[in-house]
Amino acid sequence: MGTRFVVCVSTECLGEFSSDDLTVGRAYEVLAGPDEHNTIRLIDDSGEYYLYPMDCFVPH
């Protein structure tokens, strides 16, 4: 399987969590997922890798 990317389309799906580390319209490389909780692991704008809800993204 090749490298997968997703594009952030919304940060509203994060709810009460900070959206400072995601940029709407930016493409992110998927490191893992989606898993059984519909989350994906990616490196965000902070340079760290975290789990995010897939609802924030669309395939690129």
PDB file of N, CA and C in Angstrom:
ATOM      1  N   MET A   1       0.841  -1.181   0.000  1.00  0.00           N
ATOM      2  CA  MET A   1       0.000   0.000   0.000  1.00  0.00           C
ATOM      3  C   MET A   1       0.884   1.241   0.000  1.00  0.00           C
ATOM      4  N   GLY A   2       0.529   2.238  -0.773  1.00  0.00           N
ATOM      5  CA  GLY A   2       1.288   3.469  -0.834  1.00  0.00           C
ATOM      6  C   GLY A   2       0.966   4.395   0.325  1.00  0.00           C
ATOM      7  N   THR A   3       1.633   5.513   0.324  1.00  0.00           N
ATOM      8  CA  THR A   3       1.393   6.513   1.357  1.00  0.00           C
ATOM      9  C   THR A   3       0.003   7.098   1.181  1.00  0.00           C
ATOM     10  N   ARG A   4      -0.702   7.239   2.296  1.00  0.00           N
ATOM     11  CA  ARG A   4      -2.044   7.819   2.261  1.00  0.00           C
ATOM     12  C   ARG A   4      -2.023   9.207   2.881  1.00  0.00           C
ATOM     13  N   PHE A   5      -2.799  10.082   2.292  1.00  0.00           N
ATOM     14  CA  PHE A   5      -2.953  11.433   2.817  1.00  0.00           C
ATOM     15  C   PHE A   5      -4.427  11.740   2.983  1.00  0.00           C
ATOM     16  N   VAL A   6      -4.714  12.614   3.926  1.00  0.00           N
ATOM     17  CA  VAL A   6      -6.061  13.132   4.131  1.00  0.00           C
ATOM     18  C   VAL A   6      -5.961  14.647   4.201  1.00  0.00           C
ATOM     19  N   VAL A   7      -7.081  15.309   3.916  1.00  0.00           N
ATOM     20  CA  VAL A   7      -7.154  16.765   4.009  1.00  0.00           C
ATOM     21  C   VAL A   7      -8.104  17.118   5.140  1.00  0.00           C
ATOM     22  N   CYS A   8      -7.671  18.019   5.997  1.00  0.00           N
ATOM     23  CA  CYS A   8      -8.520  18.487   7.093  1.00  0.00           C
ATOM     24  C   CYS A   8      -9.619  19.377   6.515  1.00  0.00           C
ATOM     25  N   VAL A   9     -10.869  19.031   6.803  1.00  0.00           N
ATOM     26  CA  VAL A   9     -11.994  19.814   6.296  1.00  0.00           C
ATOM     27  C   VAL A   9     -12.742  20.539   7.408  1.00  0.00           C
ATOM     28  N   SER A  10     -12.460  20.194   8.654  1.00  0.00           N
ATOM     29  CA  SER A  10     -13.138  20.829   9.778  1.00  0.00           C
ATOM     30  C   SER A  10     -12.386  20.533  11.064  1.00  0.00           C
ATOM     31  N   THR A  11     -12.421  21.486  11.975  1.00  0.00           N
ATOM     32  CA  THR A  11     -11.893  21.238  13.316  1.00  0.00           C
ATOM     33  C   THR A  11     -13.024  21.197  14.338  1.00  0.00           C
ATOM     34  N   GLU A  12     -14.257  21.408  13.890  1.00  0.00           N
ATOM     35  CA  GLU A  12     -15.415  21.361  14.785  1.00  0.00           C
ATOM     36  C   GLU A  12     -15.606  19.978  15.388  1.00  0.00           C
ATOM     37  N   CYS A  13     -15.152  18.949  14.708  1.00  0.00           N
ATOM     38  CA  CYS A  13     -15.295  17.578  15.199  1.00  0.00           C
ATOM     39  C   CYS A  13     -14.445  17.321  16.434  1.00  0.00           C
ATOM     40  N   LEU A  14     -13.548  18.233  16.760  1.00  0.00           N
ATOM     41  CA  LEU A  14     -12.695  18.068  17.934  1.00  0.00           C
ATOM     42  C   LEU A  14     -13.403  18.459  19.223  1.00  0.00           C
ATOM     43  N   GLY A  15     -14.555  19.116  19.095  1.00  0.00           N
ATOM     44  CA  GLY A  15     -15.318  19.510  20.274  1.00  0.00           C
ATOM     45  C   GLY A  15     -14.532  20.452  21.161  1.00  0.00           C
ATOM     46  N   GLU A  16     -14.397  20.070  22.433  1.00  0.00           N
ATOM     47  CA  GLU A  16     -13.730  20.932  23.415  1.00  0.00           C
ATOM     48  C   GLU A  16     -12.210  20.913  23.305  1.00  0.00           C
ATOM     49  N   PHE A  17     -11.669  20.013  22.484  1.00  0.00           N
ATOM     50  CA  PHE A  17     -10.217  19.932  22.342  1.00  0.00           C
ATOM     51  C   PHE A  17      -9.703  21.036  21.429  1.00  0.00           C
ATOM     52  N   SER A  18      -8.469  21.432  21.620  1.00  0.00           N
ATOM     53  CA  SER A  18      -7.864  22.516  20.855  1.00  0.00           C
ATOM     54  C   SER A  18      -7.705  22.133  19.387  1.00  0.00           C
ATOM     55  N   SER A  19      -7.989  23.087  18.529  1.00  0.00           N
ATOM     56  CA  SER A  19      -7.808  22.867  17.091  1.00  0.00           C
ATOM     57  C   SER A  19      -6.566  23.587  16.582  1.00  0.00           C
ATOM     58  N   ASP A  20      -5.721  24.069  17.493  1.00  0.00           N
ATOM     59  CA  ASP A  20      -4.532  24.833  17.102  1.00  0.00           C
ATOM     60  C   ASP A  20      -3.533  24.024  16.286  1.00  0.00           C
ATOM     61  N   ASP A  21      -3.590  22.706  16.386  1.00  0.00           N
ATOM     62  CA  ASP A  21      -2.589  21.871  15.736  1.00  0.00           C
ATOM     63  C   ASP A  21      -3.048  21.276  14.413  1.00  0.00           C
ATOM     64  N   LEU A  22      -4.224  21.694  13.932  1.00  0.00           N
ATOM     65  CA  LEU A  22      -4.718  21.280  12.619  1.00  0.00           C
ATOM     66  C   LEU A  22      -5.069  22.516  11.814  1.00  0.00           C
ATOM     67  N   THR A  23      -4.795  22.463  10.513  1.00  0.00           N
ATOM     68  CA  THR A  23      -5.118  23.559   9.613  1.00  0.00           C
ATOM     69  C   THR A  23      -6.118  23.068   8.579  1.00  0.00           C
ATOM     70  N   VAL A  24      -7.289  23.693   8.533  1.00  0.00           N
ATOM     71  CA  VAL A  24      -8.301  23.333   7.541  1.00  0.00           C
ATOM     72  C   VAL A  24      -7.724  23.588   6.152  1.00  0.00           C
ATOM     73  N   GLY A  25      -7.860  22.592   5.265  1.00  0.00           N
ATOM     74  CA  GLY A  25      -7.344  22.683   3.906  1.00  0.00           C
ATOM     75  C   GLY A  25      -5.965  22.073   3.726  1.00  0.00           C
ATOM     76  N   ARG A  26      -5.307  21.743   4.811  1.00  0.00           N
ATOM     77  CA  ARG A  26      -3.959  21.165   4.733  1.00  0.00           C
ATOM     78  C   ARG A  26      -4.031  19.650   4.623  1.00  0.00           C
ATOM     79  N   ALA A  27      -3.107  19.073   3.842  1.00  0.00           N
ATOM     80  CA  ALA A  27      -3.003  17.618   3.716  1.00  0.00           C
ATOM     81  C   ALA A  27      -2.060  17.088   4.784  1.00  0.00           C
ATOM     82  N   TYR A  28      -2.427  15.940   5.352  1.00  0.00           N
ATOM     83  CA  TYR A  28      -1.630  15.274   6.385  1.00  0.00           C
ATOM     84  C   TYR A  28      -1.422  13.819   5.989  1.00  0.00           C
ATOM     85  N   GLU A  29      -0.226  13.313   6.255  1.00  0.00           N
ATOM     86  CA  GLU A  29       0.062  11.907   5.992  1.00  0.00           C
ATOM     87  C   GLU A  29      -0.525  11.049   7.103  1.00  0.00           C
ATOM     88  N   VAL A  30      -1.237   9.995   6.722  1.00  0.00           N
ATOM     89  CA  VAL A  30      -1.828   9.071   7.687  1.00  0.00           C
ATOM     90  C   VAL A  30      -0.778   8.040   8.071  1.00  0.00           C
ATOM     91  N   LEU A  31      -0.509   7.930   9.365  1.00  0.00           N
ATOM     92  CA  LEU A  31       0.457   6.950   9.862  1.00  0.00           C
ATOM     93  C   LEU A  31      -0.220   5.628  10.190  1.00  0.00           C
ATOM     94  N   ALA A  32      -1.478   5.681  10.631  1.00  0.00           N
ATOM     95  CA  ALA A  32      -2.237   4.472  10.966  1.00  0.00           C
ATOM     96  C   ALA A  32      -3.718   4.807  11.034  1.00  0.00           C
ATOM     97  N   GLY A  33      -4.533   3.780  10.740  1.00  0.00           N
ATOM     98  CA  GLY A  33      -5.976   3.930  10.892  1.00  0.00           C
ATOM     99  C   GLY A  33      -6.674   4.028   9.566  1.00  0.00           C
ATOM    100  N   PRO A  34      -7.973   4.184   9.566  1.00  0.00           N
ATOM    101  CA  PRO A  34      -8.801   4.351  10.759  1.00  0.00           C
ATOM    102  C   PRO A  34      -8.945   3.045  11.534  1.00  0.00           C
ATOM    103  N   ASP A  35      -9.113   3.186  12.840  1.00  0.00           N
ATOM    104  CA  ASP A  35      -9.263   2.023  13.707  1.00  0.00           C
ATOM    105  C   ASP A  35     -10.735   1.797  14.045  1.00  0.00           C
ATOM    106  N   GLU A  36     -10.992   0.929  15.013  1.00  0.00           N
ATOM    107  CA  GLU A  36     -12.378   0.597  15.371  1.00  0.00           C
ATOM    108  C   GLU A  36     -13.132   1.781  15.966  1.00  0.00           C
ATOM    109  N   HIS A  37     -12.422   2.820  16.384  1.00  0.00           N
ATOM    110  CA  HIS A  37     -13.063   4.025  16.918  1.00  0.00           C
ATOM    111  C   HIS A  37     -13.148   5.131  15.867  1.00  0.00           C
ATOM    112  N   ASN A  38     -12.837   4.788  14.608  1.00  0.00           N
ATOM    113  CA  ASN A  38     -12.854   5.723  13.487  1.00  0.00           C
ATOM    114  C   ASN A  38     -11.896   6.896  13.714  1.00  0.00           C
ATOM    115  N   THR A  39     -10.711   6.578  14.251  1.00  0.00           N
ATOM    116  CA  THR A  39      -9.678   7.590  14.420  1.00  0.00           C
ATOM    117  C   THR A  39      -8.471   7.232  13.563  1.00  0.00           C
ATOM    118  N   ILE A  40      -7.724   8.267  13.200  1.00  0.00           N
ATOM    119  CA  ILE A  40      -6.496   8.081  12.435  1.00  0.00           C
ATOM    120  C   ILE A  40      -5.342   8.724  13.195  1.00  0.00           C
ATOM    121  N   ARG A  41      -4.156   8.180  12.990  1.00  0.00           N
ATOM    122  CA  ARG A  41      -2.953   8.738  13.617  1.00  0.00           C
ATOM    123  C   ARG A  41      -2.178   9.478  12.533  1.00  0.00           C
ATOM    124  N   LEU A  42      -1.831  10.727  12.833  1.00  0.00           N
ATOM    125  CA  LEU A  42      -1.063  11.531  11.892  1.00  0.00           C
ATOM    126  C   LEU A  42      -0.174  12.505  12.643  1.00  0.00           C
ATOM    127  N   ILE A  43       0.786  13.072  11.932  1.00  0.00           N
ATOM    128  CA  ILE A  43       1.638  14.113  12.506  1.00  0.00           C
ATOM    129  C   ILE A  43       0.963  15.446  12.234  1.00  0.00           C
ATOM    130  N   ASP A  44       0.609  16.149  13.314  1.00  0.00           N
ATOM    131  CA  ASP A  44      -0.109  17.412  13.157  1.00  0.00           C
ATOM    132  C   ASP A  44       0.867  18.585  13.045  1.00  0.00           C
ATOM    133  N   ASP A  45       0.345  19.798  13.094  1.00  0.00           N
ATOM    134  CA  ASP A  45       1.167  20.994  12.906  1.00  0.00           C
ATOM    135  C   ASP A  45       2.181  21.214  14.029  1.00  0.00           C
ATOM    136  N   SER A  46       1.995  20.555  15.164  1.00  0.00           N
ATOM    137  CA  SER A  46       2.952  20.684  16.270  1.00  0.00           C
ATOM    138  C   SER A  46       4.190  19.817  16.037  1.00  0.00           C
ATOM    139  N   GLY A  47       4.106  18.914  15.045  1.00  0.00           N
ATOM    140  CA  GLY A  47       5.206  17.999  14.769  1.00  0.00           C
ATOM    141  C   GLY A  47       5.119  16.698  15.546  1.00  0.00           C
ATOM    142  N   GLU A  48       4.073  16.554  16.352  1.00  0.00           N
ATOM    143  CA  GLU A  48       3.850  15.336  17.135  1.00  0.00           C
ATOM    144  C   GLU A  48       2.772  14.493  16.463  1.00  0.00           C
ATOM    145  N   TYR A  49       2.762  13.196  16.760  1.00  0.00           N
ATOM    146  CA  TYR A  49       1.702  12.364  16.193  1.00  0.00           C
ATOM    147  C   TYR A  49       0.628  12.102  17.241  1.00  0.00           C
ATOM    148  N   TYR A  50      -0.618  12.237  16.786  1.00  0.00           N
ATOM    149  CA  TYR A  50      -1.780  12.090  17.657  1.00  0.00           C
ATOM    150  C   TYR A  50      -2.890  11.381  16.905  1.00  0.00           C
ATOM    151  N   LEU A  51      -3.873  10.911  17.663  1.00  0.00           N
ATOM    152  CA  LEU A  51      -5.092  10.352  17.087  1.00  0.00           C
ATOM    153  C   LEU A  51      -6.109  11.465  16.903  1.00  0.00           C
ATOM    154  N   TYR A  52      -6.757  11.462  15.749  1.00  0.00           N
ATOM    155  CA  TYR A  52      -7.813  12.427  15.456  1.00  0.00           C
ATOM    156  C   TYR A  52      -9.012  11.689  14.884  1.00  0.00           C
ATOM    157  N   PRO A  53     -10.228  12.218  15.096  1.00  0.00           N
ATOM    158  CA  PRO A  53     -11.415  11.597  14.507  1.00  0.00           C
ATOM    159  C   PRO A  53     -11.380  11.723  12.984  1.00  0.00           C
ATOM    160  N   MET A  54     -11.709  10.648  12.299  1.00  0.00           N
ATOM    161  CA  MET A  54     -11.722  10.646  10.837  1.00  0.00           C
ATOM    162  C   MET A  54     -12.732  11.653  10.293  1.00  0.00           C
ATOM    163  N   ASP A  55     -13.723  12.027  11.107  1.00  0.00           N
ATOM    164  CA  ASP A  55     -14.741  12.988  10.666  1.00  0.00           C
ATOM    165  C   ASP A  55     -14.155  14.354  10.313  1.00  0.00           C
ATOM    166  N   CYS A  56     -12.959  14.646  10.768  1.00  0.00           N
ATOM    167  CA  CYS A  56     -12.303  15.930  10.482  1.00  0.00           C
ATOM    168  C   CYS A  56     -11.657  15.960   9.096  1.00  0.00           C
ATOM    169  N   PHE A  57     -11.606  14.818   8.409  1.00  0.00           N
ATOM    170  CA  PHE A  57     -10.793  14.684   7.202  1.00  0.00           C
ATOM    171  C   PHE A  57     -11.544  14.012   6.057  1.00  0.00           C
ATOM    172  N   VAL A  58     -11.035  14.245   4.853  1.00  0.00           N
ATOM    173  CA  VAL A  58     -11.465  13.505   3.665  1.00  0.00           C
ATOM    174  C   VAL A  58     -10.198  12.974   2.995  1.00  0.00           C
ATOM    175  N   PRO A  59     -10.310  11.851   2.268  1.00  0.00           N
ATOM    176  CA  PRO A  59      -9.133  11.321   1.564  1.00  0.00           C
ATOM    177  C   PRO A  59      -8.605  12.333   0.556  1.00  0.00           C
ATOM    178  N   HIS A  60      -7.312  12.332   0.362  1.00  0.00           N
ATOM    179  CA  HIS A  60      -6.671  13.245  -0.594  1.00  0.00           C
ATOM    180  C   HIS A  60      -6.279  12.469  -1.827  1.00  0.00           C
TER     181      HIS A  60
END
